[in-house]
Amino acid sequence: MARTYKILHRPWRLKWPMYWGMVPELMFLIAVLVLFGLQQPDVWRTRFWRIGHDLELNSSPNIILYAYANHRPLPDIPFVWSQSLTNFNVAISIISLFILLGKMIATIMKIYYPIIGLFVNLCLTGLYAASVYGQAGPDYADPRYPSPVAWYIRMSCDVAKPYGGGAFRNCMMSKAAFAVTVLFMALYFFYLCLAVWAMLPNKELDMVDSDDEDNGSTGAGKEREWEMQPTTPRGVPFTPRTQAFHTLDRKLPLRANYA
């Protein structure tokens, strides 16, 4: 048997994890859409930044005002407290929704190949890894209060209760958003591993693909070649002169009268 390695039309070694994995994927997607959407208008970001400074756990949001007041260049805002992180989280949740819909359609149409899953899941794993890093990211803007991990991730939300106004509830929502993001990243990494496993050379799969390809090409070619040949009655040899005599016989109707 001839062996060949296909990059595009390779079968998945395991399909059921992808089918059943769409159920938690849809649940996680609904959760991040709601949680990231609620955080979009800066519901808690600046407030948590200020609470952390009051607890001497991170820098102060007043560094921006100090820069404006003293006519100094604006400092680099830690990614964990930036509007860019909030917009980034909302964007990747919307992108995940469209990718899930496209993956469902491609799976039904049987065109969701491992090479596509490899590219898609690699990108999504990287995006959610960046989101995890951003949500629990460091804050070294103030040397007096270095923060390797955001306080609402590494500490209990009870420290936010004295601040009232839903600070405790928002802290719990932030922890939930972080947890769902980690689960999403782990799920896409699992999909990525399945795609890499399917892309690895496999003796049985490659030999089956080669046989199918050979049968499809040679068999179809022979069938087309046979269909193009004119048919003759059984037992009658076919030669070029045979076709010529048949044509001549049709053009001479008077031969029937002399027969």
Foldseek 3Di string as FASTA:
>chain_A
DDFDADQFPFDFPDDVCVVVVLVVLVVLLVLLLVLLVVPLVVPPLQVLQCLCVVVLAADHPCQQVVCVVVVHDRDDFQLLSDSVLSVLSNVLSVVSVVVSVVVVVCVVVVRCALNNLLVVLVVSLVSLVVSLCNNQDWHPVDVSRTHRGRCLQVHQLVSVVVVDPCSSVNSVSSNVSSVSSVVNSVSSVVSNVSSVVSNDDDDVSRVVVVVVVVCVPVVVVVVVVVVPDDDDDPPDDDDPVVVVVVVVVVVDPCVVVVD
